[in-house]
Amino acid sequence: MPEILYDIGNFFHAGGQVLWAILIVAIAMWALIIERYWYHWRVFPREFATLLQRWEHPPVSDLWLARKLQQMEISRLRQQLGASLFLIRTFIAMCPLLGLLGTVVGMIQVFEVLEYSGTGNPRAIATGVSMATLPTMSGLVVALSGLFFSIDLGRSSESRARQAADVLSQHVYCFIGRQMKNAQMQGACRVRSEACFSHVATTNDSRQRRRWGFLRSLQPHWIAALLNRWKTRKAAAGLPEQETP
């Protein structure tokens, strides 16, 4: 263990101060990557299960409004799944640039050694060369490893967002379908009740007409003659006729 720490110390001493900056960026990048995987595997399933329970009974009954709310929820989930990805990709792009900066610093040191001592001090030249190459190698290694995991996180975010959209769409359409089915059943019951009411009203009307026809048939002939004469006089005078009970 002490030998490993000693070798690590020598490596950072040979790489110069830029290597420490690459180390800080790498630690921040890997912390974000681990946090994103923790969210995808542990936190997101619980949040999505809670969202599904809330959408078992959507807050609105209109299909268009339910779709808009669903799109809003999907956008929120997509933002949460893709959070910190932009920062991770920024750190990935920074690592090779920091390595290039280390290369420039190392080459400047090599040129300074050549200026003061020429080629007579190969140890100092080797120190400058190592300072120029180690940061570049470290920056590229960190960037390549972070690039792989950032691509994997991006694909996982899109896949989980699409799956969430499909499941939410099924819940919304199932709920709307149940509501439409209930509305159709209520409409059928309303039609049946209106048909029953119209049948009862027609039956009562026909019964009333038969009753009045029977009462009219019981009137004496002289009363019917008087009524006909009275109707004739009204018609000649231009008065409207009234129905005789």
C-alpha atoms as a PDB file:
ATOM      1  CA  MET A   1       0.000   0.000   0.000  1.00  0.00           C
ATOM      2  CA  PRO A   2       2.725   2.593   0.796  1.00  0.00           C
ATOM      3  CA  GLU A   3       4.522   1.671  -2.439  1.00  0.00           C
ATOM      4  CA  ILE A   4       1.321   2.306  -4.427  1.00  0.00           C
ATOM      5  CA  LEU A   5       0.886   5.701  -2.793  1.00  0.00           C
ATOM      6  CA  TYR A   6       4.543   6.496  -3.472  1.00  0.00           C
ATOM      7  CA  ASP A   7       4.146   5.583  -7.162  1.00  0.00           C
ATOM      8  CA  ILE A   8       1.004   7.709  -7.429  1.00  0.00           C
ATOM      9  CA  GLY A   9       2.822  10.620  -5.842  1.00  0.00           C
ATOM     10  CA  ASN A  10       5.695  10.278  -8.307  1.00  0.00           C
ATOM     11  CA  PHE A  11       3.235  10.104 -11.196  1.00  0.00           C
ATOM     12  CA  PHE A  12       1.519  13.367 -10.205  1.00  0.00           C
ATOM     13  CA  HIS A  13       4.881  15.000  -9.505  1.00  0.00           C
ATOM     14  CA  ALA A  14       6.090  14.084 -12.982  1.00  0.00           C
ATOM     15  CA  GLY A  15       2.864  15.248 -14.610  1.00  0.00           C
ATOM     16  CA  GLY A  16       2.911  18.685 -13.086  1.00  0.00           C
ATOM     17  CA  GLN A  17       0.127  20.854 -11.740  1.00  0.00           C
ATOM     18  CA  VAL A  18      -2.129  20.332 -14.755  1.00  0.00           C
ATOM     19  CA  LEU A  19      -2.428  16.673 -13.791  1.00  0.00           C
ATOM     20  CA  TRP A  20      -4.028  17.705 -10.495  1.00  0.00           C
ATOM     21  CA  ALA A  21      -6.598  19.788 -12.402  1.00  0.00           C
ATOM     22  CA  ILE A  22      -7.403  16.736 -14.536  1.00  0.00           C
ATOM     23  CA  LEU A  23      -7.811  14.695 -11.344  1.00  0.00           C
ATOM     24  CA  ILE A  24     -10.322  17.200  -9.919  1.00  0.00           C
ATOM     25  CA  VAL A  25     -12.338  17.212 -13.152  1.00  0.00           C
ATOM     26  CA  ALA A  26     -12.274  13.394 -13.251  1.00  0.00           C
ATOM     27  CA  ILE A  27     -13.526  13.121  -9.662  1.00  0.00           C
ATOM     28  CA  ALA A  28     -16.392  15.544 -10.371  1.00  0.00           C
ATOM     29  CA  MET A  29     -17.281  13.742 -13.606  1.00  0.00           C
ATOM     30  CA  TRP A  30     -17.323  10.276 -12.029  1.00  0.00           C
ATOM     31  CA  ALA A  31     -19.341  11.528  -9.069  1.00  0.00           C
ATOM     32  CA  LEU A  32     -21.999  12.773 -11.484  1.00  0.00           C
ATOM     33  CA  ILE A  33     -21.901   9.524 -13.479  1.00  0.00           C
ATOM     34  CA  ILE A  34     -22.374   7.406 -10.339  1.00  0.00           C
ATOM     35  CA  GLU A  35     -25.193   9.695  -9.180  1.00  0.00           C
ATOM     36  CA  ARG A  36     -26.953   9.321 -12.551  1.00  0.00           C
ATOM     37  CA  TYR A  37     -26.734   5.524 -12.441  1.00  0.00           C
ATOM     38  CA  TRP A  38     -28.050   5.547  -8.880  1.00  0.00           C
ATOM     39  CA  TYR A  39     -30.977   7.675  -9.984  1.00  0.00           C
ATOM     40  CA  HIS A  40     -31.763   5.452 -13.003  1.00  0.00           C
ATOM     41  CA  TRP A  41     -31.600   2.194 -11.065  1.00  0.00           C
ATOM     42  CA  ARG A  42     -32.940   3.176  -7.648  1.00  0.00           C
ATOM     43  CA  VAL A  43     -34.775   6.500  -7.564  1.00  0.00           C
ATOM     44  CA  PHE A  44     -36.534   6.588 -10.941  1.00  0.00           C
ATOM     45  CA  PRO A  45     -38.475   3.292 -10.529  1.00  0.00           C
ATOM     46  CA  ARG A  46     -39.974   4.541  -7.247  1.00  0.00           C
ATOM     47  CA  GLU A  47     -40.881   7.925  -8.724  1.00  0.00           C
ATOM     48  CA  PHE A  48     -42.458   6.310 -11.775  1.00  0.00           C
ATOM     49  CA  ALA A  49     -44.463   3.893  -9.628  1.00  0.00           C
ATOM     50  CA  THR A  50     -45.810   6.852  -7.649  1.00  0.00           C
ATOM     51  CA  LEU A  51     -46.701   8.618 -10.901  1.00  0.00           C
ATOM     52  CA  LEU A  52     -48.575   5.555 -12.162  1.00  0.00           C
ATOM     53  CA  GLN A  53     -50.567   5.374  -8.947  1.00  0.00           C
ATOM     54  CA  ARG A  54     -51.519   9.017  -9.375  1.00  0.00           C
ATOM     55  CA  TRP A  55     -52.553   8.411 -12.984  1.00  0.00           C
ATOM     56  CA  GLU A  56     -54.750   5.428 -12.124  1.00  0.00           C
ATOM     57  CA  HIS A  57     -57.451   8.101 -11.840  1.00  0.00           C
ATOM     58  CA  PRO A  58     -56.355  11.070 -14.005  1.00  0.00           C
ATOM     59  CA  PRO A  59     -57.266  14.519 -12.662  1.00  0.00           C
ATOM     60  CA  VAL A  60     -59.162  15.399 -15.860  1.00  0.00           C
ATOM     61  CA  SER A  61     -61.716  13.536 -17.963  1.00  0.00           C
ATOM     62  CA  ASP A  62     -61.056  15.313 -21.265  1.00  0.00           C
ATOM     63  CA  LEU A  63     -58.795  13.298 -23.578  1.00  0.00           C
ATOM     64  CA  TRP A  64     -57.033  16.331 -25.093  1.00  0.00           C
ATOM     65  CA  LEU A  65     -56.270  17.854 -21.689  1.00  0.00           C
ATOM     66  CA  ALA A  66     -55.178  14.479 -20.336  1.00  0.00           C
ATOM     67  CA  ARG A  67     -52.754  14.121 -23.248  1.00  0.00           C
ATOM     68  CA  LYS A  68     -51.306  17.585 -22.555  1.00  0.00           C
ATOM     69  CA  LEU A  69     -50.808  16.735 -18.875  1.00  0.00           C
ATOM     70  CA  GLN A  70     -49.227  13.449 -19.882  1.00  0.00           C
ATOM     71  CA  GLN A  71     -46.790  15.239 -22.218  1.00  0.00           C
ATOM     72  CA  MET A  72     -45.900  17.599 -19.375  1.00  0.00           C
ATOM     73  CA  GLU A  73     -45.197  14.663 -17.058  1.00  0.00           C
ATOM     74  CA  ILE A  74     -43.086  12.939 -19.723  1.00  0.00           C
ATOM     75  CA  SER A  75     -41.090  16.133 -20.303  1.00  0.00           C
ATOM     76  CA  ARG A  76     -40.462  16.413 -16.576  1.00  0.00           C
ATOM     77  CA  LEU A  77     -39.323  12.784 -16.394  1.00  0.00           C
ATOM     78  CA  ARG A  78     -37.060  13.244 -19.418  1.00  0.00           C
ATOM     79  CA  GLN A  79     -35.455  16.290 -17.816  1.00  0.00           C
ATOM     80  CA  GLN A  80     -34.883  14.407 -14.577  1.00  0.00           C
ATOM     81  CA  LEU A  81     -33.430  11.412 -16.407  1.00  0.00           C
ATOM     82  CA  GLY A  82     -31.119  13.596 -18.488  1.00  0.00           C
ATOM     83  CA  ALA A  83     -30.071  15.904 -15.667  1.00  0.00           C
ATOM     84  CA  SER A  84     -26.297  16.480 -15.331  1.00  0.00           C
ATOM     85  CA  LEU A  85     -25.599  14.860 -18.711  1.00  0.00           C
ATOM     86  CA  PHE A  86     -24.675  18.231 -20.177  1.00  0.00           C
ATOM     87  CA  LEU A  87     -22.251  18.833 -17.305  1.00  0.00           C
ATOM     88  CA  ILE A  88     -20.748  15.353 -17.704  1.00  0.00           C
ATOM     89  CA  ARG A  89     -20.165  15.965 -21.409  1.00  0.00           C
ATOM     90  CA  THR A  90     -18.615  19.323 -20.580  1.00  0.00           C
ATOM     91  CA  PHE A  91     -16.130  17.645 -18.235  1.00  0.00           C
ATOM     92  CA  ILE A  92     -15.375  15.057 -20.942  1.00  0.00           C
ATOM     93  CA  ALA A  93     -14.568  17.838 -23.397  1.00  0.00           C
ATOM     94  CA  MET A  94     -12.426  19.624 -20.803  1.00  0.00           C
ATOM     95  CA  CYS A  95     -10.111  16.676 -20.081  1.00  0.00           C
ATOM     96  CA  PRO A  96      -8.327  16.552 -23.487  1.00  0.00           C
ATOM     97  CA  LEU A  97      -8.017  20.334 -23.445  1.00  0.00           C
ATOM     98  CA  LEU A  98      -6.398  20.200 -20.028  1.00  0.00           C
ATOM     99  CA  GLY A  99      -4.100  17.482 -21.320  1.00  0.00           C
ATOM    100  CA  LEU A 100      -3.173  19.728 -24.234  1.00  0.00           C
ATOM    101  CA  LEU A 101      -2.484  22.508 -21.755  1.00  0.00           C
ATOM    102  CA  GLY A 102      -0.153  20.164 -19.874  1.00  0.00           C
ATOM    103  CA  THR A 103       1.615  19.378 -23.136  1.00  0.00           C
ATOM    104  CA  VAL A 104       2.170  23.061 -23.823  1.00  0.00           C
ATOM    105  CA  VAL A 105       3.474  23.636 -20.280  1.00  0.00           C
ATOM    106  CA  GLY A 106       5.852  20.660 -20.561  1.00  0.00           C
ATOM    107  CA  MET A 107       7.200  21.813 -23.931  1.00  0.00           C
ATOM    108  CA  ILE A 108       7.792  25.296 -22.532  1.00  0.00           C
ATOM    109  CA  GLN A 109       9.828  23.739 -19.734  1.00  0.00           C
ATOM    110  CA  VAL A 110      11.815  21.695 -22.265  1.00  0.00           C
ATOM    111  CA  PHE A 111      12.603  24.806 -24.282  1.00  0.00           C
ATOM    112  CA  GLU A 112      13.705  26.643 -21.142  1.00  0.00           C
ATOM    113  CA  VAL A 113      16.071  23.795 -20.260  1.00  0.00           C
ATOM    114  CA  LEU A 114      17.469  23.811 -23.792  1.00  0.00           C
ATOM    115  CA  GLU A 115      17.928  27.569 -23.617  1.00  0.00           C
ATOM    116  CA  TYR A 116      19.928  27.561 -20.390  1.00  0.00           C
ATOM    117  CA  SER A 117      21.825  24.271 -20.535  1.00  0.00           C
ATOM    118  CA  GLY A 118      21.471  23.092 -24.115  1.00  0.00           C
ATOM    119  CA  THR A 119      21.526  19.355 -24.570  1.00  0.00           C
ATOM    120  CA  GLY A 120      23.906  18.793 -21.709  1.00  0.00           C
ATOM    121  CA  ASN A 121      21.191  18.126 -19.119  1.00  0.00           C
ATOM    122  CA  PRO A 122      19.128  15.159 -20.373  1.00  0.00           C
ATOM    123  CA  ARG A 123      17.466  14.628 -16.960  1.00  0.00           C
ATOM    124  CA  ALA A 124      15.867  18.083 -17.064  1.00  0.00           C
ATOM    125  CA  ILE A 125      14.799  17.512 -20.666  1.00  0.00           C
ATOM    126  CA  ALA A 126      13.230  14.178 -19.689  1.00  0.00           C
ATOM    127  CA  THR A 127      11.349  15.905 -16.872  1.00  0.00           C
ATOM    128  CA  GLY A 128       9.879  18.406 -19.324  1.00  0.00           C
ATOM    129  CA  VAL A 129       8.951  15.679 -21.791  1.00  0.00           C
ATOM    130  CA  SER A 130       7.176  13.667 -19.090  1.00  0.00           C
ATOM    131  CA  MET A 131       5.339  16.800 -18.016  1.00  0.00           C
ATOM    132  CA  ALA A 132       4.224  17.235 -21.629  1.00  0.00           C
ATOM    133  CA  THR A 133       3.047  13.648 -22.254  1.00  0.00           C
ATOM    134  CA  LEU A 134       1.535  12.476 -18.955  1.00  0.00           C
ATOM    135  CA  PRO A 135      -1.260  15.107 -18.780  1.00  0.00           C
ATOM    136  CA  THR A 136      -2.228  14.403 -22.390  1.00  0.00           C
ATOM    137  CA  MET A 137      -2.422  10.681 -21.739  1.00  0.00           C
ATOM    138  CA  SER A 138      -4.398  11.166 -18.523  1.00  0.00           C
ATOM    139  CA  GLY A 139      -6.845  13.610 -20.132  1.00  0.00           C
ATOM    140  CA  LEU A 140      -7.508  11.224 -23.012  1.00  0.00           C
ATOM    141  CA  VAL A 141      -8.020   8.231 -20.707  1.00  0.00           C
ATOM    142  CA  VAL A 142     -10.490  10.125 -18.521  1.00  0.00           C
ATOM    143  CA  ALA A 143     -12.337  11.527 -21.553  1.00  0.00           C
ATOM    144  CA  LEU A 144     -12.655   8.151 -23.265  1.00  0.00           C
ATOM    145  CA  SER A 145     -13.973   6.390 -20.156  1.00  0.00           C
ATOM    146  CA  GLY A 146     -16.438   9.192 -19.435  1.00  0.00           C
ATOM    147  CA  LEU A 147     -17.582   9.291 -23.081  1.00  0.00           C
ATOM    148  CA  PHE A 148     -18.638   5.645 -23.004  1.00  0.00           C
ATOM    149  CA  PHE A 149     -20.712   6.044 -19.856  1.00  0.00           C
ATOM    150  CA  SER A 150     -22.236   9.344 -20.986  1.00  0.00           C
ATOM    151  CA  ILE A 151     -23.482   7.687 -24.197  1.00  0.00           C
ATOM    152  CA  ASP A 152     -24.874   4.804 -22.169  1.00  0.00           C
ATOM    153  CA  LEU A 153     -26.663   7.219 -19.819  1.00  0.00           C
ATOM    154  CA  GLY A 154     -28.126   9.157 -22.746  1.00  0.00           C
ATOM    155  CA  ARG A 155     -29.517   6.000 -24.339  1.00  0.00           C
ATOM    156  CA  SER A 156     -30.872   4.798 -21.015  1.00  0.00           C
ATOM    157  CA  SER A 157     -32.605   8.147 -20.448  1.00  0.00           C
ATOM    158  CA  GLU A 158     -34.308   8.089 -23.846  1.00  0.00           C
ATOM    159  CA  SER A 159     -35.333   4.445 -23.460  1.00  0.00           C
ATOM    160  CA  ARG A 160     -36.823   4.952 -20.007  1.00  0.00           C
ATOM    161  CA  ALA A 161     -38.616   8.111 -21.134  1.00  0.00           C
ATOM    162  CA  ARG A 162     -40.199   6.272 -24.095  1.00  0.00           C
ATOM    163  CA  GLN A 163     -41.280   3.400 -21.874  1.00  0.00           C
ATOM    164  CA  ALA A 164     -42.800   5.843 -19.389  1.00  0.00           C
ATOM    165  CA  ALA A 165     -44.660   7.616 -22.216  1.00  0.00           C
ATOM    166  CA  ASP A 166     -46.087   4.319 -23.505  1.00  0.00           C
ATOM    167  CA  VAL A 167     -47.251   3.186 -20.071  1.00  0.00           C
ATOM    168  CA  LEU A 168     -48.817   6.554 -19.269  1.00  0.00           C
ATOM    169  CA  SER A 169     -50.586   6.587 -22.644  1.00  0.00           C
ATOM    170  CA  GLN A 170     -52.074   3.165 -21.907  1.00  0.00           C
ATOM    171  CA  HIS A 171     -53.309   4.367 -18.517  1.00  0.00           C
ATOM    172  CA  VAL A 172     -54.858   7.514 -20.010  1.00  0.00           C
ATOM    173  CA  TYR A 173     -56.605   5.679 -22.851  1.00  0.00           C
ATOM    174  CA  CYS A 174     -57.875   2.953 -20.535  1.00  0.00           C
ATOM    175  CA  PHE A 175     -59.329   5.549 -18.179  1.00  0.00           C
ATOM    176  CA  ILE A 176     -60.934   7.516 -21.032  1.00  0.00           C
ATOM    177  CA  GLY A 177     -62.272   4.264 -22.480  1.00  0.00           C
ATOM    178  CA  ARG A 178     -63.892   3.361 -19.169  1.00  0.00           C
ATOM    179  CA  GLN A 179     -65.443   6.808 -18.979  1.00  0.00           C
ATOM    180  CA  MET A 180     -66.746   6.585 -22.559  1.00  0.00           C
ATOM    181  CA  LYS A 181     -68.181   3.146 -21.848  1.00  0.00           C
ATOM    182  CA  ASN A 182     -69.955   4.463 -18.754  1.00  0.00           C
ATOM    183  CA  ALA A 183     -71.234   7.446 -20.737  1.00  0.00           C
ATOM    184  CA  GLN A 184     -72.594   5.115 -23.438  1.00  0.00           C
ATOM    185  CA  MET A 185     -74.321   2.997 -20.815  1.00  0.00           C
ATOM    186  CA  GLN A 186     -75.829   6.107 -19.221  1.00  0.00           C
ATOM    187  CA  GLY A 187     -76.978   7.305 -22.653  1.00  0.00           C
ATOM    188  CA  ALA A 188     -78.615   3.934 -23.371  1.00  0.00           C
ATOM    189  CA  CYS A 189     -80.413   4.054 -20.016  1.00  0.00           C
ATOM    190  CA  ARG A 190     -81.575   7.594 -20.772  1.00  0.00           C
ATOM    191  CA  VAL A 191     -82.916   6.519 -24.173  1.00  0.00           C
ATOM    192  CA  ARG A 192     -84.741   3.587 -22.598  1.00  0.00           C
ATOM    193  CA  SER A 193     -86.305   5.800 -19.928  1.00  0.00           C
ATOM    194  CA  GLU A 194     -87.399   8.376 -22.526  1.00  0.00           C
ATOM    195  CA  ALA A 195     -88.919   5.604 -24.636  1.00  0.00           C
ATOM    196  CA  CYS A 196     -90.797   4.291 -21.602  1.00  0.00           C
ATOM    197  CA  PHE A 197     -92.089   7.765 -20.744  1.00  0.00           C
ATOM    198  CA  SER A 198     -93.227   8.385 -24.346  1.00  0.00           C
ATOM    199  CA  HIS A 199     -94.982   4.981 -24.405  1.00  0.00           C
ATOM    200  CA  VAL A 200     -96.797   5.748 -21.155  1.00  0.00           C
ATOM    201  CA  ALA A 201     -97.830   9.201 -22.426  1.00  0.00           C
ATOM    202  CA  THR A 202     -99.108   7.740 -25.705  1.00  0.00           C
ATOM    203  CA  THR A 203    -101.050   5.069 -23.853  1.00  0.00           C
ATOM    204  CA  ASN A 204    -102.666   7.624 -21.543  1.00  0.00           C
ATOM    205  CA  ASP A 205    -103.563   9.862 -24.486  1.00  0.00           C
ATOM    206  CA  SER A 206    -105.184   7.018 -26.401  1.00  0.00           C
ATOM    207  CA  ARG A 207    -107.123   5.958 -23.321  1.00  0.00           C
ATOM    208  CA  GLN A 208    -108.341   9.535 -22.791  1.00  0.00           C
ATOM    209  CA  ARG A 209    -109.471   9.808 -26.426  1.00  0.00           C
ATOM    210  CA  ARG A 210    -111.373   6.537 -26.189  1.00  0.00           C
ATOM    211  CA  ARG A 211    -113.043   7.743 -22.978  1.00  0.00           C
ATOM    212  CA  TRP A 212    -114.204  11.038 -24.567  1.00  0.00           C
ATOM    213  CA  GLY A 213    -115.384   9.171 -27.667  1.00  0.00           C
ATOM    214  CA  PHE A 214    -117.462   6.893 -25.457  1.00  0.00           C
ATOM    215  CA  LEU A 215    -118.979   9.887 -23.611  1.00  0.00           C
ATOM    216  CA  ARG A 216    -119.840  11.568 -26.897  1.00  0.00           C
ATOM    217  CA  SER A 217    -121.576   8.427 -28.117  1.00  0.00           C
ATOM    218  CA  LEU A 218    -123.820   8.603 -25.009  1.00  0.00           C
ATOM    219  CA  GLN A 219    -125.183  12.095 -25.863  1.00  0.00           C
ATOM    220  CA  PRO A 220    -128.824  12.262 -27.141  1.00  0.00           C
ATOM    221  CA  HIS A 221    -129.493  13.050 -30.789  1.00  0.00           C
ATOM    222  CA  TRP A 222    -131.100  16.443 -30.099  1.00  0.00           C
ATOM    223  CA  ILE A 223    -127.993  17.606 -28.179  1.00  0.00           C
ATOM    224  CA  ALA A 224    -125.791  16.596 -31.105  1.00  0.00           C
ATOM    225  CA  ALA A 225    -128.082  18.507 -33.501  1.00  0.00           C
ATOM    226  CA  LEU A 226    -127.883  21.646 -31.322  1.00  0.00           C
ATOM    227  CA  LEU A 227    -124.114  21.393 -31.190  1.00  0.00           C
ATOM    228  CA  ASN A 228    -123.866  21.035 -34.963  1.00  0.00           C
ATOM    229  CA  ARG A 229    -126.129  24.065 -35.471  1.00  0.00           C
ATOM    230  CA  TRP A 230    -124.027  26.079 -33.021  1.00  0.00           C
ATOM    231  CA  LYS A 231    -120.824  25.122 -34.848  1.00  0.00           C
ATOM    232  CA  THR A 232    -122.420  26.145 -38.182  1.00  0.00           C
ATOM    233  CA  ARG A 233    -123.320  29.577 -36.830  1.00  0.00           C
ATOM    234  CA  LYS A 234    -119.797  30.081 -35.472  1.00  0.00           C
ATOM    235  CA  ALA A 235    -118.313  29.095 -38.787  1.00  0.00           C
ATOM    236  CA  ALA A 236    -120.595  31.605 -40.580  1.00  0.00           C
ATOM    237  CA  ALA A 237    -119.667  34.339 -38.120  1.00  0.00           C
ATOM    238  CA  GLY A 238    -115.941  33.567 -38.563  1.00  0.00           C
ATOM    239  CA  LEU A 239    -115.340  32.457 -34.949  1.00  0.00           C
ATOM    240  CA  PRO A 240    -112.886  29.667 -34.200  1.00  0.00           C
ATOM    241  CA  GLU A 241    -114.362  26.332 -33.342  1.00  0.00           C
ATOM    242  CA  GLN A 242    -113.791  24.811 -29.892  1.00  0.00           C
ATOM    243  CA  GLU A 243    -113.630  21.183 -29.215  1.00  0.00           C
ATOM    244  CA  THR A 244    -116.699  19.935 -27.431  1.00  0.00           C
ATOM    245  CA  PRO A 245    -115.998  17.709 -24.450  1.00  0.00           C
END
